[in-house]
Protein backbone atom coordinates (compact mmCIF):
# COMPACT_ATOMS: atom_id res chain seq x y z
CA MET A 1 -28.18 -28.33 14.59
CA THR A 2 -28.55 -25.00 16.38
CA SER A 3 -25.37 -23.53 17.85
CA THR A 4 -25.15 -23.40 21.63
CA LEU A 5 -22.13 -21.11 21.50
CA SER A 6 -22.10 -18.10 23.79
CA PRO A 7 -21.91 -14.59 22.29
CA THR A 8 -18.20 -14.53 23.13
CA GLN A 9 -17.66 -17.77 21.24
CA VAL A 10 -19.72 -16.60 18.27
CA ARG A 11 -17.75 -13.35 18.20
CA GLU A 12 -14.51 -15.35 18.13
CA ALA A 13 -15.86 -17.56 15.32
CA ILE A 14 -16.79 -14.51 13.22
CA GLN A 15 -13.39 -12.95 13.87
CA GLN A 16 -11.58 -16.15 12.89
CA TYR A 17 -13.63 -16.49 9.69
CA LEU A 18 -12.96 -12.87 8.78
CA LEU A 19 -9.20 -13.03 9.37
CA GLU A 20 -8.86 -16.32 7.48
CA ALA A 21 -10.38 -14.56 4.47
CA LEU A 22 -7.57 -11.97 4.45
CA PRO A 23 -3.99 -12.40 3.19
CA ARG A 24 -1.21 -13.02 5.69
CA PRO A 25 1.96 -10.89 5.66
CA GLU A 26 4.21 -13.96 5.96
CA ALA A 27 2.80 -15.36 2.70
CA ALA A 28 3.59 -12.25 0.67
CA GLN A 29 6.29 -12.42 -2.00
CA ARG A 30 7.42 -8.82 -1.59
CA PRO A 31 7.95 -6.57 1.47
CA GLU A 32 5.50 -4.04 0.04
CA LEU A 33 2.79 -6.68 -0.21
CA ALA A 34 3.55 -7.91 3.30
CA GLU A 35 2.82 -4.38 4.51
CA TYR A 36 -0.32 -4.35 2.36
CA ALA A 37 -1.53 -7.59 3.98
CA GLN A 38 -0.84 -6.18 7.43
CA MET A 39 -2.80 -3.05 6.59
CA LEU A 40 -5.77 -5.14 5.46
CA ARG A 41 -5.72 -6.95 8.79
CA ASP A 42 -5.12 -3.86 10.93
CA TYR A 43 -8.66 -2.72 11.77
CA PRO A 44 -10.09 -6.27 11.89
CA GLU A 45 -7.32 -7.35 14.30
CA ARG A 46 -8.08 -4.41 16.58
CA GLY A 47 -11.21 -6.32 17.50
CA GLY A 48 -14.41 -4.67 18.64
CA LYS A 49 -17.69 -5.93 20.03
CA MET A 50 -18.96 -7.19 16.66
CA LEU A 51 -22.51 -6.34 17.71
CA ARG A 52 -23.71 -6.34 14.12
CA GLY A 53 -22.27 -9.74 13.36
CA LEU A 54 -23.68 -11.16 16.59
CA LEU A 55 -27.09 -9.68 15.90
CA LEU A 56 -27.16 -11.16 12.41
CA THR A 57 -25.99 -14.58 13.59
CA TYR A 58 -28.48 -15.01 16.40
CA THR A 59 -31.35 -13.59 14.33
CA GLY A 60 -30.57 -16.08 11.57
CA GLN A 61 -30.52 -18.96 14.06
CA ALA A 62 -33.79 -17.77 15.58
CA TYR A 63 -35.39 -18.18 12.15
CA GLY A 64 -33.88 -21.56 11.37
CA ALA A 65 -30.50 -20.90 9.72
CA GLU A 66 -27.42 -22.74 10.93
CA LEU A 67 -24.24 -21.15 12.23
CA LYS A 68 -22.14 -22.51 9.36
CA GLN A 69 -24.18 -20.68 6.72
CA LEU A 70 -24.37 -17.50 8.80
CA LEU A 71 -20.66 -17.04 9.55
CA PRO A 72 -19.63 -15.83 6.05
CA ILE A 73 -22.49 -13.33 6.01
CA ALA A 74 -21.62 -12.07 9.49
CA ALA A 75 -17.93 -11.84 8.52
CA ALA A 76 -18.86 -9.89 5.38
CA LEU A 77 -20.93 -7.48 7.48
CA GLU A 78 -17.97 -6.94 9.81
CA LEU A 79 -15.73 -6.39 6.76
CA PHE A 80 -18.18 -3.72 5.64
CA GLN A 81 -17.86 -2.11 9.08
CA ASN A 82 -14.08 -2.09 8.81
CA TRP A 83 -13.70 -0.68 5.31
CA ALA A 84 -16.42 1.89 5.97
CA LEU A 85 -14.59 3.00 9.11
CA ILE A 86 -11.35 3.44 7.17
CA HIS A 87 -13.12 5.67 4.66
CA ASP A 88 -15.06 7.46 7.41
CA ASP A 89 -11.85 8.21 9.32
CA ILE A 90 -10.31 9.72 6.19
CA GLU A 91 -13.41 11.80 5.42
CA ASP A 92 -13.63 13.06 9.01
CA ALA A 93 -9.85 13.52 9.47
CA SER A 94 -10.13 11.40 12.64
CA ASP A 95 -7.08 10.71 14.77
CA GLU A 96 -8.05 7.55 16.66
CA ARG A 97 -9.93 4.32 16.06
CA ARG A 98 -10.30 1.57 18.65
CA GLY A 99 -7.67 3.13 20.87
CA LYS A 100 -4.97 3.44 18.21
CA PRO A 101 -4.09 5.96 15.46
CA THR A 102 -6.35 5.73 12.43
CA LEU A 103 -5.00 3.89 9.41
CA HIS A 104 -4.44 7.05 7.37
CA LYS A 105 -2.46 8.54 10.27
CA LEU A 106 -0.22 5.48 10.28
CA TYR A 107 0.27 5.01 6.54
CA GLY A 108 -1.05 8.10 4.78
CA MET A 109 -4.37 8.73 3.08
CA PRO A 110 -3.71 7.15 -0.35
CA LEU A 111 -2.61 3.78 1.06
CA ALA A 112 -5.42 3.72 3.64
CA LEU A 113 -8.01 4.53 0.98
CA ASN A 114 -6.68 1.72 -1.18
CA VAL A 115 -6.95 -0.74 1.72
CA GLY A 116 -10.56 0.30 2.29
CA ASP A 117 -11.30 -0.46 -1.35
CA ALA A 118 -9.62 -3.87 -1.06
CA LEU A 119 -11.66 -4.81 2.02
CA HIS A 120 -14.79 -3.72 0.16
CA ALA A 121 -13.91 -6.19 -2.58
CA ARG A 122 -13.32 -8.96 -0.04
CA GLN A 123 -16.76 -8.27 1.46
CA TRP A 124 -18.43 -9.14 -1.84
CA ALA A 125 -16.08 -12.06 -2.47
CA LEU A 126 -17.03 -13.66 0.85
CA LEU A 127 -20.70 -13.46 -0.06
CA VAL A 128 -20.22 -14.83 -3.58
CA GLU A 129 -17.95 -17.65 -2.38
CA ALA A 130 -20.56 -18.64 0.21
CA GLY A 131 -23.26 -18.81 -2.47
CA VAL A 132 -25.68 -16.54 -0.62
CA SER A 133 -29.08 -15.72 -2.02
CA ARG A 134 -29.95 -12.81 -4.28
CA GLY A 135 -31.90 -11.32 -1.39
CA VAL A 136 -28.81 -11.25 0.84
CA LEU A 137 -26.73 -9.63 -1.92
CA LEU A 138 -29.39 -6.99 -2.54
CA GLU A 139 -29.63 -6.25 1.18
CA PHE A 140 -25.87 -5.67 1.30
CA ALA A 141 -26.14 -3.34 -1.68
CA ARG A 142 -28.91 -1.44 0.07
CA LEU A 143 -26.97 -1.03 3.32
CA VAL A 144 -23.88 0.24 1.44
CA GLU A 145 -25.95 2.70 -0.56
CA LEU A 146 -27.88 4.03 2.43
CA THR A 147 -24.73 4.43 4.51
CA ALA A 148 -23.08 6.40 1.70
CA GLN A 149 -26.19 8.54 1.34
CA GLY A 150 -26.23 9.38 5.05
CA GLN A 151 -22.51 10.10 4.99
CA HIS A 152 -23.07 12.48 2.10
CA LEU A 153 -25.68 14.38 4.10
CA GLU A 154 -23.35 14.78 7.07
CA MET A 155 -20.33 15.82 5.02
CA THR A 156 -22.41 18.25 2.94
CA TRP A 157 -23.73 19.94 6.08
CA MET A 158 -20.19 20.50 7.35
CA GLN A 159 -18.86 21.55 3.96
CA GLN A 160 -21.66 24.07 3.50
CA GLN A 161 -21.39 25.31 7.11
CA ARG A 162 -25.03 24.48 7.88
CA PHE A 163 -26.23 25.56 11.33
CA ASP A 164 -29.95 25.75 10.55
CA LEU A 165 -30.52 22.02 11.00
CA GLN A 166 -33.25 20.57 13.18
CA GLU A 167 -33.63 17.35 15.14
CA ALA A 168 -35.53 15.77 12.22
CA ASP A 169 -32.55 16.43 9.93
CA TYR A 170 -30.21 14.66 12.33
CA LEU A 171 -32.56 11.69 12.72
CA GLN A 172 -32.83 11.28 8.96
CA MET A 173 -29.07 11.45 8.51
CA VAL A 174 -28.16 8.94 11.23
CA GLY A 175 -30.99 6.68 10.15
CA GLN A 176 -29.28 6.30 6.80
CA LYS A 177 -25.64 6.59 7.84
CA ALA A 178 -25.61 4.44 10.97
CA ALA A 179 -28.93 2.99 12.06
CA TYR A 180 -29.67 0.92 8.99
CA TYR A 181 -26.43 -1.04 8.92
CA THR A 182 -26.19 -1.19 12.71
CA ALA A 183 -29.57 -2.75 13.46
CA VAL A 184 -31.93 -2.99 10.48
CA ALA A 185 -29.61 -4.82 8.10
CA PRO A 186 -28.39 -7.42 10.64
CA LEU A 187 -31.99 -8.30 11.52
CA ARG A 188 -33.09 -8.50 7.90
CA LEU A 189 -29.97 -10.39 6.80
CA GLY A 190 -30.50 -13.01 9.49
CA VAL A 191 -34.02 -13.68 8.28
CA LEU A 192 -33.00 -13.63 4.61
CA ALA A 193 -30.20 -16.10 5.33
CA ALA A 194 -32.84 -18.45 6.71
CA GLY A 195 -34.69 -18.25 3.39
CA LEU A 196 -37.58 -16.16 4.73
CA GLU A 197 -38.96 -12.70 3.98
CA PRO A 198 -38.26 -10.18 6.77
CA ALA A 199 -41.33 -8.68 8.44
CA PRO A 200 -41.67 -4.87 8.05
CA VAL A 201 -41.47 -4.44 11.83
CA LEU A 202 -37.81 -5.42 11.72
CA GLU A 203 -36.98 -2.28 9.77
CA GLU A 204 -39.20 0.05 11.78
CA ALA A 205 -37.96 -1.20 15.14
CA GLY A 206 -34.39 -1.58 13.95
CA MET A 207 -34.28 2.06 12.89
CA LYS A 208 -35.30 3.15 16.39
CA LEU A 209 -32.64 0.95 17.96
CA GLY A 210 -29.94 1.97 15.49
CA ILE A 211 -30.64 5.67 15.95
CA GLY A 212 -30.56 5.18 19.71
CA PHE A 213 -27.17 3.49 19.34
CA GLN A 214 -25.77 6.45 17.40
CA ILE A 215 -27.12 8.98 19.89
CA VAL A 216 -25.42 7.08 22.71
CA ASP A 217 -22.21 7.09 20.66
CA ASP A 218 -22.51 10.88 20.41
CA VAL A 219 -22.93 11.05 24.19
CA LEU A 220 -19.93 8.80 24.81
CA ASN A 221 -17.85 10.96 22.49
CA LEU A 222 -18.28 13.76 25.01
CA GLN A 223 -18.17 11.95 28.32
CA GLY A 224 -17.07 8.37 27.75
CA ASP A 225 -14.14 6.59 29.37
CA PRO A 226 -11.22 7.05 26.93
CA ALA A 227 -9.87 3.60 27.81
CA LYS A 228 -13.17 1.96 26.81
CA TYR A 229 -14.48 4.28 24.11
CA GLY A 230 -11.66 3.66 21.63
CA LYS A 231 -12.02 7.00 19.86
CA GLU A 232 -10.93 10.52 20.63
CA ILE A 233 -13.03 12.16 23.36
CA ALA A 234 -14.64 15.35 21.97
CA GLY A 235 -13.60 14.25 18.49
CA ASP A 236 -17.04 15.27 17.22
CA VAL A 237 -16.33 18.83 18.37
CA TRP A 238 -12.94 18.89 16.70
CA GLU A 239 -14.49 17.54 13.49
CA GLY A 240 -17.56 19.80 13.61
CA LYS A 241 -20.11 16.97 13.56
CA ARG A 242 -23.75 18.07 13.54
CA THR A 243 -24.83 15.81 16.38
CA LEU A 244 -28.21 15.98 18.08
CA ILE A 245 -26.40 17.30 21.16
CA LEU A 246 -24.78 20.15 19.23
CA LEU A 247 -28.03 21.09 17.46
CA ARG A 248 -29.91 21.09 20.77
CA PHE A 249 -27.25 23.31 22.35
CA LEU A 250 -27.28 25.78 19.45
CA GLN A 251 -31.06 25.95 19.56
CA ASN A 252 -31.09 26.96 23.24
CA ALA A 253 -27.84 28.96 23.51
CA ASP A 254 -27.89 32.73 23.83
CA ALA A 255 -26.78 34.80 20.85
CA GLY A 256 -23.23 35.24 22.11
CA GLU A 257 -22.62 31.58 22.85
CA ARG A 258 -24.16 30.51 19.57
CA ALA A 259 -22.01 32.92 17.54
CA ARG A 260 -18.86 31.79 19.39
CA ALA A 261 -19.69 28.13 18.81
CA GLU A 262 -20.49 28.63 15.12
CA ASN A 263 -17.26 30.57 14.59
CA LEU A 264 -15.30 27.70 16.13
CA LEU A 265 -17.12 25.06 14.08
CA ARG A 266 -16.36 26.91 10.84
CA ILE A 267 -12.61 26.54 11.43
CA PRO A 268 -10.88 23.43 9.98
CA ARG A 269 -9.82 20.90 12.59
CA GLU A 270 -6.10 21.58 12.26
CA GLN A 271 -6.65 25.30 12.88
CA LYS A 272 -8.99 25.01 15.86
CA SER A 273 -7.89 26.31 19.24
CA ALA A 274 -7.73 23.62 21.92
CA LEU A 275 -8.97 26.17 24.45
CA GLU A 276 -12.03 26.95 22.34
CA VAL A 277 -12.74 23.25 21.77
CA ASP A 278 -12.53 22.69 25.54
CA TRP A 279 -14.95 25.59 26.06
CA LEU A 280 -17.53 24.18 23.65
CA HIS A 281 -17.05 20.70 25.09
CA ARG A 282 -17.88 22.03 28.56
CA CYS A 283 -20.86 23.97 27.22
CA LEU A 284 -22.32 20.86 25.64
CA LEU A 285 -21.92 18.86 28.85
CA GLN A 286 -23.46 21.59 31.01
CA SER A 287 -26.28 22.63 28.69
CA GLY A 288 -28.69 19.77 29.33
CA ALA A 289 -28.38 18.67 25.71
CA VAL A 290 -26.56 15.47 26.71
CA ASP A 291 -29.33 14.50 29.13
CA TYR A 292 -31.93 15.23 26.44
CA ALA A 293 -30.10 13.03 23.95
CA GLN A 294 -29.69 10.18 26.44
CA THR A 295 -33.38 10.31 27.31
CA LEU A 296 -34.35 10.17 23.64
CA ALA A 297 -32.02 7.19 23.10
CA GLU A 298 -33.60 5.33 26.00
CA GLN A 299 -37.06 6.09 24.61
CA MET A 300 -36.09 4.68 21.22
CA LEU A 301 -34.63 1.58 22.87
CA THR A 302 -37.84 0.96 24.80
CA GLU A 303 -40.04 1.48 21.75
CA GLY A 304 -37.87 -0.66 19.48
CA LEU A 305 -37.63 -3.55 21.93
CA SER A 306 -41.36 -3.51 22.65
CA MET A 307 -42.03 -3.82 18.92
CA LEU A 308 -39.53 -6.64 18.41
CA GLU A 309 -40.10 -8.73 21.53
CA PRO A 310 -43.34 -10.45 20.48
CA VAL A 311 -41.95 -11.10 17.01
CA LEU A 312 -38.59 -12.55 18.08
CA LEU A 313 -39.99 -14.65 20.91
CA LYS A 314 -42.41 -16.26 18.45
CA ALA A 315 -39.61 -17.07 16.00
CA PRO A 316 -39.09 -20.79 15.25
CA ARG A 317 -36.25 -20.85 17.79
CA GLY A 318 -37.54 -18.48 20.43
CA ALA A 319 -34.56 -19.02 22.76
CA MET A 320 -32.30 -17.52 20.09
CA GLY A 321 -34.77 -14.69 19.65
CA ARG A 322 -34.35 -13.89 23.34
CA VAL A 323 -30.58 -13.66 22.85
CA VAL A 324 -31.20 -11.19 20.01
CA LEU A 325 -33.21 -9.01 22.39
CA GLU A 326 -30.39 -9.12 24.95
CA ILE A 327 -27.85 -8.07 22.31
CA LEU A 328 -30.11 -5.25 21.16
CA GLN A 329 -30.27 -3.84 24.69
CA THR A 330 -26.51 -3.39 24.62
CA LEU A 331 -26.83 -1.10 21.59
CA VAL A 332 -28.05 1.74 23.78
CA ARG A 333 -27.38 0.73 27.37
CA ARG A 334 -23.62 0.66 27.13
CA GLU A 335 -20.61 2.42 28.54
CA ALA A 336 -18.39 2.23 25.47
């Protein structure tokens, strides 16, 4: 029968399923492997909102799937999130994740990279062990491939010192890197888990919502509450990320400000001046670019929800579809 669990209870069920799929340090036969097991559990045990897992679970229930068959798929999606974050933190030289030092800062890059690979393997194992459909497996392959493709775009732009990028470039990059696995894939996976073919509107609307989510994340990176945000404030400036906010600022800055900002962004993170980073951080906040980005995110939220509402409310279990809509609103209208 349909689950009547609250989002908090579903989140706890996904977390429990995920952690039970990972080795425990106390069961290891060697101290080195006990540390390995603890490293595998590190990011998952740090928690998080599990929005993607929740979105998948309630979408699947809206279309007739039961919680028991959805939990392994949701746990696998959260495992993807965790191993991708480990790799992302290494690639971006990030210092913090979920309020604590990143895994490579705690254990070194080689060991952290190895743990990311191991979690990737467990992601596929969960799906195979659960006997999911070919469609679910192919959707996971697609979300991994698109995320890697978007990550390649972003890293290439920084590596090649690109400052000629436009808003359309950013939207394409985050659509692949973040939006697909954040909103599109959870919606599609929920429907696929129910044995149905996802409607095209799920991808179109999900992309709008996922892009809005990433834009809000960029905003929070500059002005979020450090206690809630869980990552380094102004980390995008330190890392030289080509965010919509940065591109908007560069487009409207005078020649002197633009040259100063570009000179700073060309410098590797470890060589950047904290004073110069603080200057650019203030410029971004005062330039109007943050307000522009927030307005665009709200517009995408409104458009995405208006496209999805009639579809989800007409799902076989419309009450669950309404919960999906409520979860989707938190993607953009959030404080952390």
